[in-house]
């Protein structure tokens, strides 16, 4: 299983319960296919840098999850079919290993 990170921008016209429902549906797709949600963070409503589909703001949410690669096409299909999403981006998370700090002599 791989670790992935997804950031979604949801239409601002949706109410807070509707936004939570869209995020929960996304989490259900991930966990229903054998995935595991590692981290979830709702960044809230923010102004967009440029208008997307005539929207000037959107609700941002971040998900970090572990799942088999076969889940990604289903997740991508979900993002295309549900018209609540303005933008989505899913990337594979690289585990960063910290280098030891150099000590000045």
N, C-alpha and C. Protein backbone atom coordinates (compact mmCIF):
# COMPACT_ATOMS: atom_id res chain seq x y z
N UNK A 1 0.83 -1.18 0.00
CA UNK A 1 0.00 0.00 0.00
C UNK A 1 0.88 1.25 0.00
N UNK A 2 0.40 2.26 -0.68
CA UNK A 2 1.11 3.53 -0.80
C UNK A 2 0.42 4.59 0.05
N UNK A 3 1.15 5.64 0.34
CA UNK A 3 0.58 6.78 1.08
C UNK A 3 0.37 7.91 0.09
N UNK A 4 -0.84 8.49 0.12
CA UNK A 4 -1.20 9.56 -0.80
C UNK A 4 -1.73 10.76 -0.02
N UNK A 5 -1.65 11.93 -0.64
CA UNK A 5 -2.21 13.15 -0.09
C UNK A 5 -3.14 13.75 -1.14
N UNK A 6 -4.30 14.18 -0.69
CA UNK A 6 -5.27 14.80 -1.58
C UNK A 6 -5.71 16.14 -0.99
N UNK A 7 -5.74 17.15 -1.84
CA UNK A 7 -6.30 18.44 -1.47
C UNK A 7 -7.46 18.69 -2.41
N UNK A 8 -8.62 19.04 -1.83
CA UNK A 8 -9.80 19.33 -2.64
C UNK A 8 -10.29 20.74 -2.34
N UNK A 9 -10.83 21.38 -3.36
CA UNK A 9 -11.48 22.68 -3.20
C UNK A 9 -12.94 22.44 -3.58
N UNK A 10 -13.83 22.71 -2.62
CA UNK A 10 -15.25 22.43 -2.78
C UNK A 10 -15.98 23.75 -3.00
N UNK A 11 -17.05 23.71 -3.79
CA UNK A 11 -17.82 24.91 -4.13
C UNK A 11 -18.29 25.64 -2.87
N UNK A 12 -18.22 26.97 -2.87
CA UNK A 12 -18.60 27.73 -1.68
C UNK A 12 -20.12 27.81 -1.45
N UNK A 13 -20.92 27.46 -2.45
CA UNK A 13 -22.37 27.55 -2.30
C UNK A 13 -22.92 26.48 -1.35
N UNK A 14 -22.14 25.43 -1.10
CA UNK A 14 -22.61 24.35 -0.24
C UNK A 14 -22.57 24.79 1.22
N UNK A 15 -23.54 24.33 1.98
CA UNK A 15 -23.54 24.61 3.42
C UNK A 15 -22.52 23.71 4.11
N UNK A 16 -22.21 24.02 5.36
CA UNK A 16 -21.21 23.23 6.09
C UNK A 16 -21.61 21.76 6.20
N UNK A 17 -22.87 21.41 6.49
CA UNK A 17 -23.22 19.98 6.52
C UNK A 17 -23.05 19.30 5.16
N UNK A 18 -23.34 20.03 4.08
CA UNK A 18 -23.16 19.45 2.74
C UNK A 18 -21.68 19.24 2.43
N UNK A 19 -20.83 20.17 2.86
CA UNK A 19 -19.39 20.02 2.66
C UNK A 19 -18.89 18.79 3.42
N UNK A 20 -19.33 18.63 4.66
CA UNK A 20 -18.92 17.47 5.45
C UNK A 20 -19.40 16.17 4.82
N UNK A 21 -20.58 16.20 4.22
CA UNK A 21 -21.10 15.01 3.55
C UNK A 21 -20.25 14.63 2.33
N UNK A 22 -19.81 15.63 1.57
CA UNK A 22 -18.96 15.37 0.40
C UNK A 22 -17.61 14.78 0.84
N UNK A 23 -17.05 15.34 1.92
CA UNK A 23 -15.76 14.84 2.42
C UNK A 23 -15.93 13.42 2.98
N UNK A 24 -17.02 13.16 3.69
CA UNK A 24 -17.26 11.82 4.23
C UNK A 24 -17.45 10.80 3.13
N UNK A 25 -18.11 11.18 2.03
CA UNK A 25 -18.29 10.27 0.89
C UNK A 25 -16.92 9.91 0.29
N UNK A 26 -16.03 10.90 0.21
CA UNK A 26 -14.68 10.65 -0.30
C UNK A 26 -13.93 9.70 0.63
N UNK A 27 -14.05 9.92 1.93
CA UNK A 27 -13.39 9.04 2.89
C UNK A 27 -13.97 7.62 2.84
N UNK A 28 -15.27 7.51 2.59
CA UNK A 28 -15.91 6.20 2.48
C UNK A 28 -15.38 5.43 1.28
N UNK A 29 -15.15 6.11 0.18
CA UNK A 29 -14.60 5.45 -1.01
C UNK A 29 -13.21 4.90 -0.70
N UNK A 30 -12.40 5.69 -0.01
CA UNK A 30 -11.04 5.26 0.32
C UNK A 30 -11.06 4.07 1.27
N UNK A 31 -11.82 4.19 2.36
CA UNK A 31 -11.83 3.12 3.36
C UNK A 31 -12.59 1.90 2.88
N UNK A 32 -13.55 2.07 1.99
CA UNK A 32 -14.32 0.94 1.46
C UNK A 32 -13.50 0.04 0.56
N UNK A 33 -12.43 0.54 0.02
CA UNK A 33 -11.57 -0.24 -0.86
C UNK A 33 -10.32 -0.75 -0.14
N UNK A 34 -10.35 -0.76 1.17
CA UNK A 34 -9.20 -1.27 1.92
C UNK A 34 -8.20 -0.22 2.32
N UNK A 35 -8.55 1.05 2.16
CA UNK A 35 -7.65 2.13 2.53
C UNK A 35 -7.82 2.55 3.98
N UNK A 36 -6.93 3.39 4.42
CA UNK A 36 -6.95 3.87 5.80
C UNK A 36 -6.65 5.37 5.80
N UNK A 37 -7.51 6.15 6.43
CA UNK A 37 -7.31 7.60 6.53
C UNK A 37 -6.29 7.84 7.64
N UNK A 38 -5.17 8.48 7.30
CA UNK A 38 -4.13 8.76 8.28
C UNK A 38 -4.29 10.14 8.91
N UNK A 39 -4.73 11.11 8.10
CA UNK A 39 -4.86 12.47 8.59
C UNK A 39 -5.94 13.19 7.78
N UNK A 40 -6.72 14.00 8.46
CA UNK A 40 -7.76 14.79 7.79
C UNK A 40 -7.70 16.19 8.37
N UNK A 41 -7.72 17.18 7.51
CA UNK A 41 -7.65 18.56 7.97
C UNK A 41 -8.56 19.41 7.09
N UNK A 42 -9.49 20.09 7.73
CA UNK A 42 -10.39 21.00 7.01
C UNK A 42 -9.83 22.40 7.18
N UNK A 43 -9.40 23.00 6.08
CA UNK A 43 -8.78 24.33 6.10
C UNK A 43 -9.83 25.43 6.08
N UNK A 44 -11.05 25.11 5.73
CA UNK A 44 -12.13 26.10 5.75
C UNK A 44 -12.28 26.86 4.45
N UNK A 45 -13.13 27.87 4.49
CA UNK A 45 -13.39 28.70 3.30
C UNK A 45 -12.28 29.73 3.16
N UNK A 46 -11.75 29.78 1.94
CA UNK A 46 -10.66 30.72 1.64
C UNK A 46 -10.89 31.32 0.27
N UNK A 47 -10.34 32.50 0.10
CA UNK A 47 -10.42 33.19 -1.18
C UNK A 47 -9.48 32.50 -2.18
N UNK A 48 -9.97 32.31 -3.40
CA UNK A 48 -9.15 31.70 -4.45
C UNK A 48 -8.25 32.77 -5.08
N UNK A 49 -7.10 32.36 -5.58
CA UNK A 49 -6.20 33.28 -6.24
C UNK A 49 -6.81 33.81 -7.54
N UNK A 50 -7.53 32.94 -8.23
CA UNK A 50 -8.20 33.34 -9.46
C UNK A 50 -9.55 32.61 -9.51
N UNK A 51 -10.53 33.17 -10.19
CA UNK A 51 -11.85 32.52 -10.22
C UNK A 51 -11.80 31.16 -10.93
N UNK A 52 -12.50 30.20 -10.34
CA UNK A 52 -12.65 28.87 -10.94
C UNK A 52 -14.14 28.64 -11.09
N UNK A 53 -14.61 28.44 -12.30
CA UNK A 53 -16.03 28.24 -12.59
C UNK A 53 -16.86 29.35 -11.93
N UNK A 54 -16.42 30.57 -12.07
CA UNK A 54 -17.08 31.78 -11.56
C UNK A 54 -17.13 31.86 -10.04
N UNK A 55 -16.39 31.01 -9.34
CA UNK A 55 -16.33 31.06 -7.87
C UNK A 55 -15.08 31.83 -7.46
N UNK A 56 -15.22 32.67 -6.46
CA UNK A 56 -14.09 33.46 -5.97
C UNK A 56 -13.54 32.94 -4.65
N UNK A 57 -14.24 31.97 -4.06
CA UNK A 57 -13.75 31.33 -2.85
C UNK A 57 -14.14 29.86 -2.87
N UNK A 58 -13.55 29.08 -1.98
CA UNK A 58 -13.85 27.66 -1.92
C UNK A 58 -13.51 27.11 -0.56
N UNK A 59 -14.03 25.94 -0.28
CA UNK A 59 -13.74 25.25 0.98
C UNK A 59 -12.63 24.25 0.72
N UNK A 60 -11.51 24.41 1.42
CA UNK A 60 -10.35 23.56 1.24
C UNK A 60 -10.35 22.43 2.27
N UNK A 61 -10.00 21.23 1.82
CA UNK A 61 -9.86 20.08 2.72
C UNK A 61 -8.65 19.26 2.29
N UNK A 62 -7.97 18.67 3.26
CA UNK A 62 -6.76 17.88 3.03
C UNK A 62 -6.97 16.49 3.62
N UNK A 63 -6.62 15.47 2.85
CA UNK A 63 -6.68 14.09 3.31
C UNK A 63 -5.34 13.41 3.06
N UNK A 64 -4.84 12.71 4.05
CA UNK A 64 -3.66 11.87 3.89
C UNK A 64 -4.12 10.45 4.18
N UNK A 65 -3.86 9.54 3.25
CA UNK A 65 -4.39 8.20 3.41
C UNK A 65 -3.44 7.16 2.83
N UNK A 66 -3.63 5.93 3.28
CA UNK A 66 -2.86 4.79 2.79
C UNK A 66 -3.85 3.86 2.09
N UNK A 67 -3.54 3.50 0.85
CA UNK A 67 -4.45 2.63 0.11
C UNK A 67 -3.69 1.94 -1.03
N UNK A 68 -4.28 0.87 -1.59
CA UNK A 68 -3.68 0.26 -2.78
C UNK A 68 -3.83 1.21 -3.97
N UNK A 69 -2.91 1.14 -4.93
CA UNK A 69 -2.99 2.03 -6.10
C UNK A 69 -4.27 1.86 -6.92
N UNK A 70 -4.96 0.73 -6.81
CA UNK A 70 -6.18 0.50 -7.57
C UNK A 70 -7.32 1.41 -7.14
N UNK A 71 -7.21 2.04 -5.97
CA UNK A 71 -8.27 2.93 -5.48
C UNK A 71 -8.25 4.27 -6.21
N UNK A 72 -7.09 4.69 -6.70
CA UNK A 72 -6.96 6.02 -7.32
C UNK A 72 -7.88 6.25 -8.51
N UNK A 73 -8.05 5.29 -9.43
CA UNK A 73 -9.01 5.54 -10.52
C UNK A 73 -10.44 5.73 -10.02
N UNK A 74 -10.84 4.99 -8.99
CA UNK A 74 -12.19 5.14 -8.43
C UNK A 74 -12.34 6.50 -7.77
N UNK A 75 -11.30 6.94 -7.09
CA UNK A 75 -11.33 8.24 -6.44
C UNK A 75 -11.37 9.36 -7.49
N UNK A 76 -10.58 9.22 -8.54
CA UNK A 76 -10.57 10.20 -9.62
C UNK A 76 -11.94 10.27 -10.30
N UNK A 77 -12.57 9.13 -10.50
CA UNK A 77 -13.91 9.09 -11.09
C UNK A 77 -14.91 9.81 -10.18
N UNK A 78 -14.80 9.60 -8.89
CA UNK A 78 -15.67 10.27 -7.92
C UNK A 78 -15.52 11.80 -8.03
N UNK A 79 -14.28 12.26 -8.16
CA UNK A 79 -14.04 13.71 -8.26
C UNK A 79 -14.63 14.29 -9.54
N UNK A 80 -14.61 13.52 -10.63
CA UNK A 80 -15.15 14.00 -11.90
C UNK A 80 -16.67 13.99 -11.92
N UNK A 81 -17.28 12.99 -11.30
CA UNK A 81 -18.73 12.83 -11.37
C UNK A 81 -19.46 13.80 -10.45
N UNK A 82 -18.94 13.97 -9.24
CA UNK A 82 -19.59 14.86 -8.27
C UNK A 82 -19.22 16.30 -8.64
N UNK A 83 -20.23 17.12 -8.89
CA UNK A 83 -19.95 18.48 -9.34
C UNK A 83 -19.70 19.46 -8.20
N UNK A 84 -19.55 18.97 -6.99
CA UNK A 84 -19.27 19.84 -5.83
C UNK A 84 -17.82 20.27 -5.77
N UNK A 85 -16.95 19.58 -6.50
CA UNK A 85 -15.52 19.88 -6.45
C UNK A 85 -15.14 20.92 -7.50
N UNK A 86 -14.40 21.95 -7.09
CA UNK A 86 -13.85 22.91 -8.03
C UNK A 86 -12.51 22.41 -8.56
N UNK A 87 -11.65 21.96 -7.65
CA UNK A 87 -10.33 21.43 -8.01
C UNK A 87 -9.96 20.31 -7.05
N UNK A 88 -9.21 19.35 -7.55
CA UNK A 88 -8.66 18.28 -6.72
C UNK A 88 -7.24 17.99 -7.16
N UNK A 89 -6.45 17.53 -6.23
CA UNK A 89 -5.09 17.11 -6.57
C UNK A 89 -4.69 16.00 -5.61
N UNK A 90 -4.27 14.88 -6.17
CA UNK A 90 -3.80 13.74 -5.39
C UNK A 90 -2.37 13.44 -5.80
N UNK A 91 -1.48 13.35 -4.82
CA UNK A 91 -0.08 13.03 -5.07
C UNK A 91 0.36 11.93 -4.13
N UNK A 92 1.37 11.21 -4.57
CA UNK A 92 1.95 10.19 -3.70
C UNK A 92 2.88 10.88 -2.71
N UNK A 93 2.70 10.59 -1.44
CA UNK A 93 3.51 11.22 -0.40
C UNK A 93 4.82 10.47 -0.25
N UNK A 94 5.90 11.21 -0.30
CA UNK A 94 7.20 10.62 -0.08
C UNK A 94 7.53 10.74 1.40
N UNK A 95 7.96 9.64 1.98
CA UNK A 95 8.38 9.70 3.37
C UNK A 95 9.73 10.40 3.42
N UNK A 96 9.76 11.53 4.06
CA UNK A 96 10.99 12.31 4.13
C UNK A 96 11.78 11.89 5.35
N UNK A 97 13.03 11.62 5.13
CA UNK A 97 13.91 11.29 6.24
C UNK A 97 14.80 12.49 6.51
N UNK A 98 14.80 12.90 7.73
CA UNK A 98 15.58 14.07 8.12
C UNK A 98 17.05 13.71 8.20
N UNK A 99 17.87 14.55 7.61
CA UNK A 99 19.31 14.38 7.71
C UNK A 99 19.76 14.95 9.04
N UNK A 100 20.74 14.33 9.65
CA UNK A 100 21.22 14.90 10.91
C UNK A 100 21.84 16.27 10.68
N UNK A 101 21.56 17.18 11.60
CA UNK A 101 22.08 18.53 11.48
C UNK A 101 23.60 18.54 11.67
N UNK A 102 24.26 19.35 10.85
CA UNK A 102 25.71 19.48 10.98
C UNK A 102 26.02 20.38 12.15
N UNK A 103 26.94 19.95 12.95
CA UNK A 103 27.33 20.73 14.11
C UNK A 103 28.54 21.57 13.74
N UNK A 104 28.45 22.87 14.01
CA UNK A 104 29.58 23.75 13.72
C UNK A 104 30.63 23.57 14.80
N UNK A 105 31.87 23.55 14.36
CA UNK A 105 32.96 23.38 15.33
C UNK A 105 33.54 24.69 15.72
